[in-house]
Amino acid sequence: MKYLMIFLFSFFLISCAAPSEPEFKKLENVKFGSLSVIKPYSVTLNADAIFHNPNVLGANITEMNFDVYINDQKTTKINQDISAKMSPNSDFSLPIKCKIPLKEVFKDFKFKDILKEKVLRYKLDGYLKIGLGNVELKVPVTFEDEESFGL
């Protein structure tokens, strides 16, 4: 009986801990699709967003909603209804597709700087909507990083 009480107490202690938000790790399989040559010029970005679920519980992901900032400017919004599983204590992948306006990305571009290395800062700020049984929760996700590129 003593061990049963210890087990139940431990179970309650673990289950009462607040869940951690999924951690954005990286983008993989980044591919630029169609280029719109009609104003406003844009490019379609397809990628797999890799997240890590640090929690002991899995869940179903039903929606992804992010504002995308490039060089501190809000450039686009990703709002996708999805159906994906988030396994406990593991990485998971979500497909992303969005249009990025080229005017915002290359706002400060000057032709004389074509050979210089440029730094592109980006940020995803939003939430994943996850379902746990009959309950849906919005889990906040924020990620910032930068990429260097040049000729």
Protein backbone atom coordinates (compact mmCIF):
# COMPACT_ATOMS: atom_id res chain seq x y z
CA MET A 1 0.00 0.00 0.00
CA LYS A 2 2.89 2.33 0.80
CA TYR A 3 4.34 1.87 -2.73
CA LEU A 4 0.95 2.51 -4.31
CA MET A 5 0.69 5.82 -2.45
CA ILE A 6 4.22 6.82 -3.54
CA PHE A 7 3.38 5.90 -7.14
CA LEU A 8 0.12 7.90 -7.10
CA PHE A 9 1.82 10.90 -5.51
CA SER A 10 4.62 10.76 -8.12
CA PHE A 11 2.07 10.45 -10.92
CA PHE A 12 0.16 13.51 -9.69
CA LEU A 13 3.39 15.47 -9.31
CA ILE A 14 4.49 14.67 -12.86
CA SER A 15 1.08 15.22 -14.43
CA CYS A 16 0.60 18.61 -12.70
CA ALA A 17 3.78 20.09 -14.17
CA ALA A 18 3.06 22.73 -16.78
CA PRO A 19 3.86 21.50 -20.30
CA SER A 20 6.75 23.14 -22.12
CA GLU A 21 6.25 24.72 -25.51
CA PRO A 22 7.53 22.84 -28.56
CA GLU A 23 11.00 24.06 -29.54
CA PHE A 24 11.63 25.15 -33.11
CA LYS A 25 14.93 23.62 -34.24
CA LYS A 26 15.44 24.36 -37.92
CA LEU A 27 14.05 24.45 -41.44
CA GLU A 28 14.87 21.52 -43.73
CA ASN A 29 14.21 20.80 -47.40
CA VAL A 30 13.90 24.50 -48.17
CA LYS A 31 12.79 24.96 -51.76
CA PHE A 32 11.80 28.09 -53.56
CA GLY A 33 8.86 27.40 -55.84
CA SER A 34 7.05 29.69 -58.20
CA LEU A 35 8.27 33.23 -58.72
CA SER A 36 5.52 35.78 -59.26
CA VAL A 37 6.57 38.37 -61.83
CA ILE A 38 3.34 40.30 -61.32
CA LYS A 39 3.48 43.07 -58.74
CA PRO A 40 3.90 42.62 -55.84
CA TYR A 41 6.81 40.32 -56.74
CA SER A 42 7.01 37.27 -54.49
CA VAL A 43 8.50 33.82 -54.24
CA THR A 44 6.82 30.72 -52.82
CA LEU A 45 8.77 29.04 -50.05
CA ASN A 46 8.27 25.35 -49.25
CA ALA A 47 10.07 23.80 -46.28
CA ASP A 48 9.78 21.38 -43.40
CA ALA A 49 9.82 23.02 -39.97
CA ILE A 50 11.50 20.73 -37.44
CA PHE A 51 10.28 21.03 -33.85
CA HIS A 52 11.07 19.13 -30.65
CA ASN A 53 8.38 18.16 -28.14
CA PRO A 54 10.06 18.09 -24.69
CA ASN A 55 6.90 16.87 -22.95
CA VAL A 56 5.96 13.39 -21.73
CA LEU A 57 2.63 13.62 -23.56
CA GLY A 58 1.99 13.56 -27.28
CA ALA A 59 -0.76 15.50 -29.04
CA ASN A 60 -2.41 16.14 -32.39
CA ILE A 61 -1.53 19.38 -34.16
CA THR A 62 -4.48 20.97 -35.95
CA GLU A 63 -3.28 24.45 -36.87
CA MET A 64 -0.09 26.42 -37.42
CA ASN A 65 -0.21 30.22 -37.27
CA PHE A 66 2.96 32.33 -37.50
CA ASP A 67 3.92 35.87 -38.38
CA VAL A 68 7.17 35.84 -40.36
CA TYR A 69 9.61 38.70 -39.81
CA ILE A 70 12.61 39.30 -42.04
CA ASN A 71 15.14 41.89 -40.89
CA ASP A 72 12.66 43.02 -38.21
CA GLN A 73 9.91 43.68 -40.77
CA LYS A 74 6.72 41.60 -40.78
CA THR A 75 6.73 40.16 -44.28
CA THR A 76 4.07 37.45 -44.36
CA LYS A 77 1.82 35.23 -42.33
CA ILE A 78 1.63 31.44 -42.27
CA ASN A 79 -1.81 30.16 -41.35
CA GLN A 80 -2.31 26.51 -42.18
CA ASP A 81 -4.83 23.94 -41.01
CA ILE A 82 -2.95 20.68 -40.62
CA SER A 83 -3.32 17.21 -39.21
CA ALA A 84 -0.10 15.93 -37.66
CA LYS A 85 0.99 13.95 -34.64
CA MET A 86 3.43 15.27 -32.05
CA SER A 87 5.01 12.30 -30.27
CA PRO A 88 6.29 12.68 -26.70
CA ASN A 89 9.98 13.58 -26.16
CA SER A 90 10.81 13.57 -29.85
CA ASP A 91 11.29 15.67 -32.97
CA PHE A 92 8.47 16.19 -35.44
CA SER A 93 8.15 17.86 -38.82
CA LEU A 94 5.49 20.22 -40.19
CA PRO A 95 5.31 21.28 -43.85
CA ILE A 96 5.34 25.03 -44.43
CA LYS A 97 4.25 26.85 -47.56
CA CYS A 98 4.11 30.63 -47.84
CA LYS A 99 4.62 33.53 -50.25
CA ILE A 100 7.41 35.91 -49.39
CA PRO A 101 7.33 39.40 -50.92
CA LEU A 102 10.73 40.09 -52.48
CA LYS A 103 10.39 43.83 -51.89
CA GLU A 104 10.61 43.28 -48.13
CA VAL A 105 13.49 40.81 -48.27
CA PHE A 106 15.68 42.94 -50.51
CA LYS A 107 14.53 46.35 -49.24
CA ASP A 108 18.06 47.63 -48.52
CA PHE A 109 19.73 45.87 -51.45
CA LYS A 110 22.01 47.97 -53.64
CA PHE A 111 23.56 46.56 -56.80
CA LYS A 112 27.02 47.81 -55.77
CA ASP A 113 26.77 45.54 -52.70
CA ILE A 114 26.21 42.35 -54.74
CA LEU A 115 29.61 40.86 -53.79
CA LYS A 116 29.34 41.73 -50.10
CA GLU A 117 28.10 39.22 -47.58
CA LYS A 118 24.59 40.01 -46.32
CA VAL A 119 22.91 38.87 -43.11
CA LEU A 120 19.26 37.97 -43.22
CA ARG A 121 17.56 37.90 -39.79
CA TYR A 122 14.31 36.02 -39.54
CA LYS A 123 11.79 35.35 -36.83
CA LEU A 124 8.74 33.13 -36.52
CA ASP A 125 6.25 34.30 -33.91
CA GLY A 126 2.92 32.59 -33.37
CA TYR A 127 1.40 29.39 -32.13
CA LEU A 128 0.60 25.77 -32.81
CA LYS A 129 -2.92 24.64 -31.98
CA ILE A 130 -2.77 21.19 -30.42
CA GLY A 131 -5.48 18.81 -29.39
CA LEU A 132 -5.33 16.72 -26.24
CA GLY A 133 -8.45 14.56 -26.33
CA ASN A 134 -11.40 16.96 -26.67
CA VAL A 135 -9.39 19.98 -25.52
CA GLU A 136 -7.56 22.30 -27.95
CA LEU A 137 -4.76 24.57 -26.76
CA LYS A 138 -2.76 27.31 -28.46
CA VAL A 139 0.91 26.72 -27.68
CA PRO A 140 3.10 29.79 -28.29
CA VAL A 141 6.20 29.36 -30.45
CA THR A 142 8.87 31.99 -31.10
CA PHE A 143 12.13 31.45 -32.96
CA GLU A 144 14.79 33.87 -34.20
CA ASP A 145 17.90 33.20 -36.25
CA GLU A 146 19.99 34.66 -39.03
CA GLU A 147 21.57 33.45 -42.23
CA SER A 148 24.58 34.89 -44.05
CA PHE A 149 24.73 34.81 -47.80
CA GLY A 150 26.69 36.36 -50.59
CA LEU A 151 28.47 35.61 -53.85
